[in-house]
């Protein structure tokens, strides 16, 4: 289990660097508290990587990768439009203090971002080759969370130094470009 864990931490952390889901974490960190973003990323990663390890262990696919990539791409474009329009309920002070909204937004977005992603596929591959189910699952989750913590930190720093309008436009662009790129790679 020790080898599977550390191999998974290292390979997934490296695979996540510069990945679209890392950009998603960065974009959310400019809008929400870093602890909420990290919690959402962690929850989504635990779920996606659990599914990836199960999938890798059985070497079966639920849906063709092309369909998963299409759905993820369309979801990213939708999140970009949503970000640009803003959340009407965010102006309500009672709503602003409610922490489940941002947490669920981050978790759901990150979950969708990871479906069919290279780190998910890398986790599937690691699980198919290793005998330690738990080692691969927890190692790949930790590797992902560590890599995304870097993006969250960068987003937090940017959030303090850029105007809100620039952050909103930047996050919108990241989501839409990521969506288009995800759809494009589904057919490449």
N, C-alpha and C. Protein backbone atom coordinates (compact mmCIF):
# COMPACT_ATOMS: atom_id res chain seq x y z
N UNK A 1 0.82 -1.19 0.00
CA UNK A 1 0.00 0.00 0.00
C UNK A 1 0.86 1.26 0.00
N UNK A 2 1.99 1.21 0.70
CA UNK A 2 2.89 2.36 0.81
C UNK A 2 3.36 2.81 -0.58
N UNK A 3 3.82 1.88 -1.41
CA UNK A 3 4.32 2.23 -2.74
C UNK A 3 3.19 2.77 -3.62
N UNK A 4 2.04 2.11 -3.60
CA UNK A 4 0.90 2.55 -4.42
C UNK A 4 0.45 3.96 -4.02
N UNK A 5 0.45 4.23 -2.73
CA UNK A 5 0.05 5.54 -2.23
C UNK A 5 0.99 6.63 -2.75
N UNK A 6 2.28 6.49 -2.53
CA UNK A 6 3.24 7.54 -2.90
C UNK A 6 3.40 7.66 -4.41
N UNK A 7 3.32 6.55 -5.11
CA UNK A 7 3.36 6.61 -6.58
C UNK A 7 2.16 7.40 -7.09
N UNK A 8 1.00 7.16 -6.51
CA UNK A 8 -0.21 7.87 -6.92
C UNK A 8 -0.14 9.35 -6.58
N UNK A 9 0.37 9.70 -5.39
CA UNK A 9 0.51 11.11 -5.02
C UNK A 9 1.37 11.82 -6.05
N UNK A 10 2.53 11.28 -6.33
CA UNK A 10 3.48 11.92 -7.24
C UNK A 10 2.93 12.03 -8.66
N UNK A 11 2.45 10.93 -9.21
CA UNK A 11 2.00 10.95 -10.60
C UNK A 11 0.78 11.85 -10.81
N UNK A 12 -0.15 11.83 -9.90
CA UNK A 12 -1.35 12.65 -10.07
C UNK A 12 -1.05 14.12 -9.83
N UNK A 13 -0.20 14.45 -8.87
CA UNK A 13 0.18 15.85 -8.65
C UNK A 13 0.85 16.42 -9.89
N UNK A 14 1.73 15.66 -10.50
CA UNK A 14 2.41 16.11 -11.71
C UNK A 14 1.42 16.23 -12.88
N UNK A 15 0.54 15.25 -13.02
CA UNK A 15 -0.44 15.27 -14.11
C UNK A 15 -1.41 16.44 -13.97
N UNK A 16 -1.69 16.87 -12.76
CA UNK A 16 -2.66 17.95 -12.53
C UNK A 16 -2.09 19.33 -12.83
N UNK A 17 -0.78 19.49 -12.82
CA UNK A 17 -0.17 20.80 -13.05
C UNK A 17 -0.56 21.33 -14.42
N UNK A 18 -1.20 22.51 -14.42
CA UNK A 18 -1.62 23.14 -15.65
C UNK A 18 -2.89 22.56 -16.26
N UNK A 19 -3.52 21.64 -15.56
CA UNK A 19 -4.72 20.99 -16.08
C UNK A 19 -5.93 21.92 -15.94
N UNK A 20 -6.98 21.63 -16.71
CA UNK A 20 -8.17 22.49 -16.68
C UNK A 20 -8.80 22.55 -15.30
N UNK A 21 -8.81 21.45 -14.57
CA UNK A 21 -9.43 21.49 -13.25
C UNK A 21 -8.61 22.33 -12.27
N UNK A 22 -7.32 22.43 -12.49
CA UNK A 22 -6.50 23.31 -11.66
C UNK A 22 -6.87 24.77 -11.95
N UNK A 23 -7.16 25.07 -13.21
CA UNK A 23 -7.60 26.42 -13.56
C UNK A 23 -8.98 26.72 -12.96
N UNK A 24 -9.82 25.70 -12.89
CA UNK A 24 -11.13 25.86 -12.26
C UNK A 24 -10.96 26.20 -10.78
N UNK A 25 -10.06 25.50 -10.10
CA UNK A 25 -9.79 25.79 -8.69
C UNK A 25 -9.29 27.22 -8.53
N UNK A 26 -8.41 27.65 -9.42
CA UNK A 26 -7.89 29.01 -9.38
C UNK A 26 -9.03 30.02 -9.56
N UNK A 27 -9.91 29.76 -10.53
CA UNK A 27 -11.02 30.69 -10.78
C UNK A 27 -11.95 30.78 -9.57
N UNK A 28 -12.26 29.66 -8.97
CA UNK A 28 -13.14 29.69 -7.79
C UNK A 28 -12.46 30.38 -6.61
N UNK A 29 -11.15 30.26 -6.50
CA UNK A 29 -10.45 30.89 -5.38
C UNK A 29 -10.47 32.41 -5.47
N UNK A 30 -10.75 32.95 -6.66
CA UNK A 30 -10.88 34.40 -6.77
C UNK A 30 -12.27 34.87 -6.34
N UNK A 31 -13.22 33.95 -6.21
CA UNK A 31 -14.60 34.30 -5.85
C UNK A 31 -14.99 33.90 -4.44
N UNK A 32 -14.48 32.76 -3.98
CA UNK A 32 -14.91 32.21 -2.69
C UNK A 32 -13.71 32.08 -1.75
N UNK A 33 -14.02 31.88 -0.48
CA UNK A 33 -12.96 31.68 0.51
C UNK A 33 -12.14 30.44 0.15
N UNK A 34 -10.83 30.53 0.29
CA UNK A 34 -9.96 29.39 -0.07
C UNK A 34 -10.31 28.09 0.66
N UNK A 35 -10.71 28.18 1.93
CA UNK A 35 -11.06 26.96 2.67
C UNK A 35 -12.27 26.26 2.05
N UNK A 36 -13.23 27.03 1.58
CA UNK A 36 -14.41 26.45 0.95
C UNK A 36 -14.02 25.80 -0.38
N UNK A 37 -13.18 26.48 -1.14
CA UNK A 37 -12.74 25.93 -2.42
C UNK A 37 -11.96 24.64 -2.20
N UNK A 38 -11.05 24.64 -1.25
CA UNK A 38 -10.26 23.44 -0.97
C UNK A 38 -11.15 22.30 -0.49
N UNK A 39 -12.14 22.61 0.34
CA UNK A 39 -13.07 21.58 0.81
C UNK A 39 -13.88 21.01 -0.36
N UNK A 40 -14.36 21.86 -1.24
CA UNK A 40 -15.11 21.40 -2.40
C UNK A 40 -14.27 20.56 -3.34
N UNK A 41 -13.04 21.01 -3.58
CA UNK A 41 -12.10 20.24 -4.42
C UNK A 41 -11.83 18.89 -3.78
N UNK A 42 -11.62 18.87 -2.49
CA UNK A 42 -11.32 17.61 -1.79
C UNK A 42 -12.50 16.64 -1.86
N UNK A 43 -13.70 17.15 -1.61
CA UNK A 43 -14.89 16.28 -1.65
C UNK A 43 -15.09 15.70 -3.05
N UNK A 44 -15.00 16.55 -4.06
CA UNK A 44 -15.18 16.07 -5.44
C UNK A 44 -14.10 15.08 -5.82
N UNK A 45 -12.86 15.37 -5.42
CA UNK A 45 -11.74 14.49 -5.76
C UNK A 45 -11.89 13.13 -5.09
N UNK A 46 -12.29 13.13 -3.82
CA UNK A 46 -12.51 11.85 -3.14
C UNK A 46 -13.53 11.00 -3.90
N UNK A 47 -14.61 11.62 -4.34
CA UNK A 47 -15.65 10.88 -5.07
C UNK A 47 -15.20 10.42 -6.44
N UNK A 48 -14.61 11.34 -7.21
CA UNK A 48 -14.18 11.00 -8.57
C UNK A 48 -13.09 9.93 -8.54
N UNK A 49 -12.15 10.07 -7.64
CA UNK A 49 -11.05 9.10 -7.60
C UNK A 49 -11.49 7.76 -7.03
N UNK A 50 -12.48 7.77 -6.16
CA UNK A 50 -13.05 6.49 -5.71
C UNK A 50 -13.66 5.78 -6.92
N UNK A 51 -14.44 6.52 -7.68
CA UNK A 51 -15.02 5.94 -8.89
C UNK A 51 -13.97 5.51 -9.89
N UNK A 52 -12.90 6.27 -10.01
CA UNK A 52 -11.81 5.94 -10.94
C UNK A 52 -11.12 4.65 -10.53
N UNK A 53 -10.89 4.50 -9.23
CA UNK A 53 -10.23 3.29 -8.75
C UNK A 53 -11.14 2.08 -8.96
N UNK A 54 -12.42 2.24 -8.67
CA UNK A 54 -13.37 1.14 -8.91
C UNK A 54 -13.37 0.79 -10.40
N UNK A 55 -13.43 1.82 -11.21
CA UNK A 55 -13.44 1.60 -12.66
C UNK A 55 -12.15 0.91 -13.12
N UNK A 56 -11.03 1.38 -12.60
CA UNK A 56 -9.76 0.76 -12.96
C UNK A 56 -9.66 -0.68 -12.51
N UNK A 57 -10.21 -0.97 -11.36
CA UNK A 57 -10.16 -2.34 -10.84
C UNK A 57 -10.98 -3.28 -11.71
N UNK A 58 -12.05 -2.81 -12.25
CA UNK A 58 -12.90 -3.67 -13.07
C UNK A 58 -12.63 -3.51 -14.57
N UNK A 59 -11.77 -2.53 -14.94
CA UNK A 59 -11.42 -2.28 -16.34
C UNK A 59 -12.65 -2.21 -17.24
N UNK A 60 -13.62 -1.44 -16.77
CA UNK A 60 -14.86 -1.30 -17.51
C UNK A 60 -15.14 0.19 -17.69
N UNK A 61 -15.88 0.54 -18.69
CA UNK A 61 -16.25 1.95 -18.86
C UNK A 61 -17.77 2.09 -18.77
N UNK A 62 -18.19 3.16 -18.16
CA UNK A 62 -19.62 3.42 -18.02
C UNK A 62 -20.18 4.10 -19.27
N UNK A 63 -19.47 5.07 -19.77
CA UNK A 63 -19.87 5.80 -20.97
C UNK A 63 -18.63 6.01 -21.82
N UNK A 64 -18.82 6.15 -23.13
CA UNK A 64 -17.65 6.47 -23.95
C UNK A 64 -17.04 7.80 -23.49
N UNK A 65 -15.72 7.87 -23.49
CA UNK A 65 -15.02 9.07 -23.04
C UNK A 65 -15.43 10.31 -23.80
N UNK A 66 -15.78 10.15 -25.07
CA UNK A 66 -16.18 11.28 -25.89
C UNK A 66 -17.45 11.94 -25.35
N UNK A 67 -18.41 11.15 -24.89
CA UNK A 67 -19.66 11.69 -24.35
C UNK A 67 -19.41 12.39 -23.03
N UNK A 68 -18.55 11.83 -22.21
CA UNK A 68 -18.22 12.45 -20.93
C UNK A 68 -17.54 13.79 -21.17
N UNK A 69 -16.61 13.84 -22.12
CA UNK A 69 -15.92 15.09 -22.43
C UNK A 69 -16.88 16.13 -22.97
N UNK A 70 -17.82 15.71 -23.81
CA UNK A 70 -18.82 16.65 -24.34
C UNK A 70 -19.65 17.26 -23.21
N UNK A 71 -20.13 16.41 -22.30
CA UNK A 71 -20.95 16.90 -21.18
C UNK A 71 -20.13 17.85 -20.30
N UNK A 72 -18.89 17.49 -20.03
CA UNK A 72 -18.05 18.36 -19.21
C UNK A 72 -17.80 19.69 -19.91
N UNK A 73 -17.54 19.66 -21.21
CA UNK A 73 -17.31 20.89 -21.97
C UNK A 73 -18.52 21.81 -21.95
N UNK A 74 -19.70 21.26 -22.17
CA UNK A 74 -20.93 22.05 -22.13
C UNK A 74 -21.17 22.62 -20.73
N UNK A 75 -20.88 21.82 -19.71
CA UNK A 75 -21.03 22.30 -18.34
C UNK A 75 -20.09 23.48 -18.07
N UNK A 76 -18.85 23.41 -18.55
CA UNK A 76 -17.91 24.51 -18.37
C UNK A 76 -18.41 25.79 -19.03
N UNK A 77 -18.93 25.66 -20.25
CA UNK A 77 -19.46 26.84 -20.94
C UNK A 77 -20.62 27.42 -20.13
N UNK A 78 -21.48 26.54 -19.62
CA UNK A 78 -22.59 26.99 -18.78
C UNK A 78 -22.11 27.70 -17.53
N UNK A 79 -21.07 27.17 -16.88
CA UNK A 79 -20.52 27.81 -15.69
C UNK A 79 -19.90 29.16 -16.03
N UNK A 80 -19.31 29.27 -17.22
CA UNK A 80 -18.75 30.55 -17.66
C UNK A 80 -19.83 31.61 -17.82
N UNK A 81 -20.94 31.23 -18.46
CA UNK A 81 -22.07 32.16 -18.63
C UNK A 81 -22.65 32.54 -17.28
N UNK A 82 -22.78 31.56 -16.40
CA UNK A 82 -23.30 31.80 -15.05
C UNK A 82 -22.39 32.78 -14.29
N UNK A 83 -21.08 32.59 -14.42
CA UNK A 83 -20.12 33.47 -13.75
C UNK A 83 -20.24 34.90 -14.27
N UNK A 84 -20.39 35.04 -15.59
CA UNK A 84 -20.49 36.37 -16.19
C UNK A 84 -21.76 37.09 -15.75
N UNK A 85 -22.86 36.36 -15.68
CA UNK A 85 -24.13 36.97 -15.27
C UNK A 85 -24.16 37.26 -13.78
N UNK A 86 -23.40 36.53 -13.03
CA UNK A 86 -23.40 36.71 -11.59
C UNK A 86 -24.54 35.96 -10.95
N UNK A 87 -24.44 35.79 -9.68
CA UNK A 87 -25.44 35.07 -8.91
C UNK A 87 -26.37 36.10 -8.27
N UNK A 88 -27.60 36.15 -8.72
CA UNK A 88 -28.56 37.15 -8.22
C UNK A 88 -28.76 37.03 -6.72
N UNK A 89 -28.68 35.82 -6.20
CA UNK A 89 -28.88 35.63 -4.76
C UNK A 89 -27.67 36.07 -3.96
N UNK A 90 -26.53 36.28 -4.62
CA UNK A 90 -25.31 36.67 -3.89
C UNK A 90 -25.43 38.06 -3.28
N UNK A 91 -26.36 38.89 -3.79
CA UNK A 91 -26.52 40.23 -3.25
C UNK A 91 -27.34 40.25 -1.97
N UNK A 92 -27.99 39.16 -1.65
CA UNK A 92 -28.80 39.06 -0.45
C UNK A 92 -27.87 38.74 0.73
N UNK A 93 -27.77 39.62 1.73
CA UNK A 93 -26.84 39.38 2.84
C UNK A 93 -27.09 38.06 3.56
N UNK A 94 -28.35 37.65 3.70
CA UNK A 94 -28.63 36.38 4.37
C UNK A 94 -28.09 35.23 3.54
N UNK A 95 -28.18 35.35 2.25
CA UNK A 95 -27.70 34.30 1.35
C UNK A 95 -26.17 34.27 1.32
N UNK A 96 -25.56 35.46 1.41
CA UNK A 96 -24.12 35.56 1.32
C UNK A 96 -23.42 34.81 2.46
N UNK A 97 -24.05 34.78 3.63
CA UNK A 97 -23.42 34.13 4.77
C UNK A 97 -23.64 32.62 4.78
N UNK A 98 -24.49 32.13 3.91
CA UNK A 98 -24.78 30.70 3.84
C UNK A 98 -23.65 30.01 3.07
N UNK A 99 -22.94 29.13 3.70
CA UNK A 99 -21.73 28.54 3.10
C UNK A 99 -21.98 27.33 2.23
N UNK A 100 -23.16 26.77 2.21
CA UNK A 100 -23.39 25.57 1.39
C UNK A 100 -23.45 25.90 -0.08
N UNK A 101 -23.88 27.09 -0.43
CA UNK A 101 -23.96 27.47 -1.84
C UNK A 101 -22.62 27.38 -2.55
N UNK A 102 -21.61 28.10 -2.08
CA UNK A 102 -20.30 28.02 -2.73
C UNK A 102 -19.69 26.62 -2.66
N UNK A 103 -19.86 25.95 -1.54
CA UNK A 103 -19.28 24.60 -1.39
C UNK A 103 -19.86 23.65 -2.44
N UNK A 104 -21.17 23.66 -2.57
CA UNK A 104 -21.80 22.75 -3.55
C UNK A 104 -21.43 23.17 -4.97
N UNK A 105 -21.35 24.48 -5.24
CA UNK A 105 -20.95 24.94 -6.57
C UNK A 105 -19.55 24.44 -6.93
N UNK A 106 -18.62 24.60 -6.01
CA UNK A 106 -17.25 24.16 -6.25
C UNK A 106 -17.19 22.64 -6.41
N UNK A 107 -17.85 21.93 -5.51
CA UNK A 107 -17.82 20.46 -5.55
C UNK A 107 -18.40 19.94 -6.86
N UNK A 108 -19.57 20.44 -7.24
CA UNK A 108 -20.22 19.96 -8.47
C UNK A 108 -19.40 20.31 -9.70
N UNK A 109 -18.89 21.53 -9.76
CA UNK A 109 -18.09 21.94 -10.92
C UNK A 109 -16.82 21.12 -11.02
N UNK A 110 -16.15 20.95 -9.91
CA UNK A 110 -14.90 20.20 -9.92
C UNK A 110 -15.15 18.73 -10.24
N UNK A 111 -16.25 18.19 -9.75
CA UNK A 111 -16.61 16.81 -10.07
C UNK A 111 -16.77 16.64 -11.58
N UNK A 112 -17.52 17.54 -12.19
CA UNK A 112 -17.74 17.48 -13.64
C UNK A 112 -16.41 17.69 -14.38
N UNK A 113 -15.58 18.60 -13.88
CA UNK A 113 -14.30 18.89 -14.52
C UNK A 113 -13.40 17.66 -14.56
N UNK A 114 -13.49 16.83 -13.56
CA UNK A 114 -12.62 15.66 -13.47
C UNK A 114 -13.11 14.47 -14.30
N UNK A 115 -14.37 14.44 -14.64
CA UNK A 115 -14.89 13.31 -15.42
C UNK A 115 -14.20 13.25 -16.78
N UNK A 116 -13.57 12.15 -17.05
CA UNK A 116 -12.88 11.96 -18.32
C UNK A 116 -11.57 12.72 -18.44
N UNK A 117 -11.13 13.35 -17.36
CA UNK A 117 -9.90 14.14 -17.36
C UNK A 117 -8.68 13.22 -17.30
N UNK A 118 -7.51 13.78 -17.66
CA UNK A 118 -6.30 12.94 -17.68
C UNK A 118 -5.96 12.40 -16.30
N UNK A 119 -6.24 13.16 -15.24
CA UNK A 119 -5.93 12.64 -13.91
C UNK A 119 -6.89 11.52 -13.52
N UNK A 120 -8.13 11.60 -13.98
CA UNK A 120 -9.06 10.50 -13.73
C UNK A 120 -8.59 9.25 -14.47
N UNK A 121 -8.20 9.43 -15.73
CA UNK A 121 -7.72 8.29 -16.51
C UNK A 121 -6.41 7.75 -15.96
N UNK A 122 -5.56 8.64 -15.46
CA UNK A 122 -4.31 8.18 -14.84
C UNK A 122 -4.61 7.36 -13.59
N UNK A 123 -5.61 7.79 -12.82
CA UNK A 123 -6.00 7.04 -11.63
C UNK A 123 -6.57 5.67 -12.01
N UNK A 124 -7.38 5.64 -13.07
CA UNK A 124 -7.91 4.36 -13.56
C UNK A 124 -6.75 3.43 -13.91
N UNK A 125 -5.76 3.96 -14.62
CA UNK A 125 -4.60 3.17 -15.03
C UNK A 125 -3.79 2.69 -13.83
N UNK A 126 -3.55 3.59 -12.87
CA UNK A 126 -2.82 3.19 -11.66
C UNK A 126 -3.56 2.09 -10.91
N UNK A 127 -4.87 2.23 -10.80
CA UNK A 127 -5.66 1.23 -10.07
C UNK A 127 -5.65 -0.12 -10.77
N UNK A 128 -5.57 -0.10 -12.08
CA UNK A 128 -5.53 -1.36 -12.83
C UNK A 128 -4.20 -2.08 -12.62
N UNK A 129 -3.15 -1.30 -12.36
CA UNK A 129 -1.82 -1.89 -12.22
C UNK A 129 -1.44 -2.21 -10.78
N UNK A 130 -2.03 -1.54 -9.81
CA UNK A 130 -1.65 -1.71 -8.41
C UNK A 130 -2.63 -2.64 -7.69
N UNK A 131 -2.16 -3.26 -6.64
CA UNK A 131 -3.03 -4.14 -5.86
C UNK A 131 -3.71 -3.42 -4.70
N UNK A 132 -3.24 -2.23 -4.36
CA UNK A 132 -3.78 -1.50 -3.22
C UNK A 132 -4.85 -0.50 -3.65
N UNK A 133 -6.10 -0.91 -3.50
CA UNK A 133 -7.25 -0.06 -3.82
C UNK A 133 -7.18 1.24 -3.02
N UNK A 134 -7.03 1.13 -1.70
CA UNK A 134 -7.02 2.29 -0.81
C UNK A 134 -5.80 3.16 -1.06
N UNK A 135 -4.65 2.56 -1.29
CA UNK A 135 -3.43 3.32 -1.54
C UNK A 135 -3.55 4.20 -2.78
N UNK A 136 -4.07 3.64 -3.86
CA UNK A 136 -4.24 4.42 -5.09
C UNK A 136 -5.30 5.50 -4.89
N UNK A 137 -6.40 5.15 -4.25
CA UNK A 137 -7.48 6.12 -4.05
C UNK A 137 -7.02 7.31 -3.21
N UNK A 138 -6.46 7.03 -2.04
CA UNK A 138 -6.04 8.13 -1.16
C UNK A 138 -4.82 8.86 -1.71
N UNK A 139 -3.91 8.15 -2.34
CA UNK A 139 -2.73 8.78 -2.92
C UNK A 139 -3.08 9.70 -4.08
N UNK A 140 -3.95 9.23 -4.96
CA UNK A 140 -4.33 10.07 -6.10
C UNK A 140 -5.14 11.28 -5.62
N UNK A 141 -5.94 11.10 -4.60
CA UNK A 141 -6.72 12.22 -4.04
C UNK A 141 -5.78 13.25 -3.43
N UNK A 142 -4.82 12.81 -2.64
CA UNK A 142 -3.87 13.74 -2.02
C UNK A 142 -3.05 14.47 -3.08
N UNK A 143 -2.59 13.76 -4.09
CA UNK A 143 -1.82 14.39 -5.17
C UNK A 143 -2.62 15.49 -5.86
N UNK A 144 -3.88 15.22 -6.11
CA UNK A 144 -4.76 16.19 -6.76
C UNK A 144 -5.00 17.40 -5.88
N UNK A 145 -5.29 17.15 -4.61
CA UNK A 145 -5.58 18.25 -3.69
C UNK A 145 -4.34 19.12 -3.49
N UNK A 146 -3.17 18.52 -3.40
CA UNK A 146 -1.94 19.31 -3.25
C UNK A 146 -1.71 20.21 -4.46
N UNK A 147 -1.88 19.66 -5.66
CA UNK A 147 -1.69 20.46 -6.88
C UNK A 147 -2.72 21.58 -6.97
N UNK A 148 -3.94 21.29 -6.59
CA UNK A 148 -4.98 22.31 -6.66
C UNK A 148 -4.87 23.33 -5.54
N UNK A 149 -4.25 22.96 -4.42
CA UNK A 149 -4.00 23.93 -3.35
C UNK A 149 -3.08 25.03 -3.85
N UNK A 150 -2.15 24.69 -4.72
CA UNK A 150 -1.27 25.70 -5.32
C UNK A 150 -2.11 26.68 -6.14
N UNK A 151 -3.04 26.15 -6.95
CA UNK A 151 -3.90 27.01 -7.76
C UNK A 151 -4.81 27.88 -6.89
N UNK A 152 -5.30 27.32 -5.80
CA UNK A 152 -6.16 28.08 -4.89
C UNK A 152 -5.37 29.23 -4.27
N UNK A 153 -4.14 28.97 -3.89
CA UNK A 153 -3.30 30.02 -3.32
C UNK A 153 -3.08 31.14 -4.34
N UNK A 154 -2.78 30.77 -5.60
CA UNK A 154 -2.59 31.77 -6.65
C UNK A 154 -3.87 32.58 -6.85
N UNK A 155 -5.02 31.90 -6.88
CA UNK A 155 -6.29 32.59 -7.03
C UNK A 155 -6.58 33.53 -5.88
N UNK A 156 -6.22 33.11 -4.68
CA UNK A 156 -6.43 33.94 -3.50
C UNK A 156 -5.57 35.22 -3.59
N UNK A 157 -4.33 35.09 -4.02
CA UNK A 157 -3.44 36.23 -4.16
C UNK A 157 -3.96 37.17 -5.25
N UNK A 158 -4.36 36.60 -6.39
CA UNK A 158 -4.91 37.43 -7.46
C UNK A 158 -6.17 38.16 -7.01
N UNK A 159 -7.00 37.46 -6.24
CA UNK A 159 -8.25 38.04 -5.77
C UNK A 159 -8.06 39.29 -4.92
N UNK A 160 -6.92 39.40 -4.28
CA UNK A 160 -6.65 40.56 -3.43
C UNK A 160 -6.11 41.75 -4.24
N UNK A 161 -5.62 41.49 -5.46
CA UNK A 161 -4.92 42.54 -6.20
C UNK A 161 -5.62 42.94 -7.50
N UNK A 162 -6.68 42.28 -7.87
CA UNK A 162 -7.37 42.61 -9.11
C UNK A 162 -8.79 43.08 -8.82
N UNK A 163 -9.30 44.00 -9.64
CA UNK A 163 -10.69 44.44 -9.44
C UNK A 163 -11.68 43.31 -9.70
N UNK A 164 -12.84 43.39 -9.04
CA UNK A 164 -13.84 42.32 -9.13
C UNK A 164 -14.28 42.07 -10.57
N UNK A 165 -14.44 43.11 -11.35
CA UNK A 165 -14.87 42.97 -12.76
C UNK A 165 -13.82 42.17 -13.54
N UNK A 166 -12.55 42.46 -13.33
CA UNK A 166 -11.49 41.72 -14.03
C UNK A 166 -11.49 40.25 -13.62
N UNK A 167 -11.72 39.99 -12.34
CA UNK A 167 -11.77 38.61 -11.87
C UNK A 167 -12.95 37.86 -12.49
N UNK A 168 -14.10 38.53 -12.57
CA UNK A 168 -15.29 37.91 -13.14
C UNK A 168 -15.05 37.59 -14.62
N UNK A 169 -14.49 38.54 -15.36
CA UNK A 169 -14.21 38.31 -16.78
C UNK A 169 -13.15 37.22 -16.97
N UNK A 170 -12.13 37.23 -16.12
CA UNK A 170 -11.09 36.21 -16.20
C UNK A 170 -11.63 34.82 -15.91
N UNK A 171 -12.45 34.70 -14.86
CA UNK A 171 -13.04 33.40 -14.52
C UNK A 171 -13.97 32.93 -15.63
N UNK A 172 -14.76 33.86 -16.18
CA UNK A 172 -15.65 33.52 -17.29
C UNK A 172 -14.85 32.99 -18.47
N UNK A 173 -13.77 33.68 -18.81
CA UNK A 173 -12.92 33.25 -19.94
C UNK A 173 -12.32 31.88 -19.67
N UNK A 174 -11.86 31.65 -18.47
CA UNK A 174 -11.28 30.34 -18.14
C UNK A 174 -12.31 29.23 -18.33
N UNK A 175 -13.52 29.44 -17.81
CA UNK A 175 -14.56 28.42 -17.93
C UNK A 175 -14.93 28.18 -19.39
N UNK A 176 -15.15 29.24 -20.16
CA UNK A 176 -15.59 29.07 -21.55
C UNK A 176 -14.49 28.47 -22.41
N UNK A 177 -13.27 28.95 -22.28
CA UNK A 177 -12.16 28.39 -23.06
C UNK A 177 -11.93 26.93 -22.69
N UNK A 178 -12.02 26.62 -21.40
CA UNK A 178 -11.88 25.23 -20.96
C UNK A 178 -12.98 24.36 -21.55
N UNK A 179 -14.20 24.89 -21.57
CA UNK A 179 -15.32 24.15 -22.16
C UNK A 179 -15.11 23.86 -23.63
N UNK A 180 -14.69 24.88 -24.37
CA UNK A 180 -14.45 24.70 -25.81
C UNK A 180 -13.30 23.72 -26.03
N UNK A 181 -12.23 23.86 -25.26
CA UNK A 181 -11.09 22.94 -25.40
C UNK A 181 -11.49 21.51 -25.05
N UNK A 182 -12.32 21.34 -24.04
CA UNK A 182 -12.76 20.00 -23.65
C UNK A 182 -13.60 19.35 -24.76
N UNK A 183 -14.51 20.14 -25.34
CA UNK A 183 -15.31 19.62 -26.46
C UNK A 183 -14.42 19.30 -27.66
N UNK A 184 -13.47 20.21 -27.92
CA UNK A 184 -12.55 20.02 -29.05
C UNK A 184 -11.76 18.72 -28.91
N UNK A 185 -11.24 18.46 -27.71
CA UNK A 185 -10.45 17.25 -27.51
C UNK A 185 -11.30 15.97 -27.56
N UNK A 186 -12.60 16.12 -27.34
CA UNK A 186 -13.48 14.95 -27.44
C UNK A 186 -13.52 14.43 -28.87
N UNK A 187 -13.31 15.31 -29.83
CA UNK A 187 -13.38 14.92 -31.23
C UNK A 187 -12.02 14.83 -31.90
N UNK A 188 -10.96 15.15 -31.17
CA UNK A 188 -9.61 15.12 -31.75
C UNK A 188 -9.06 13.71 -31.83
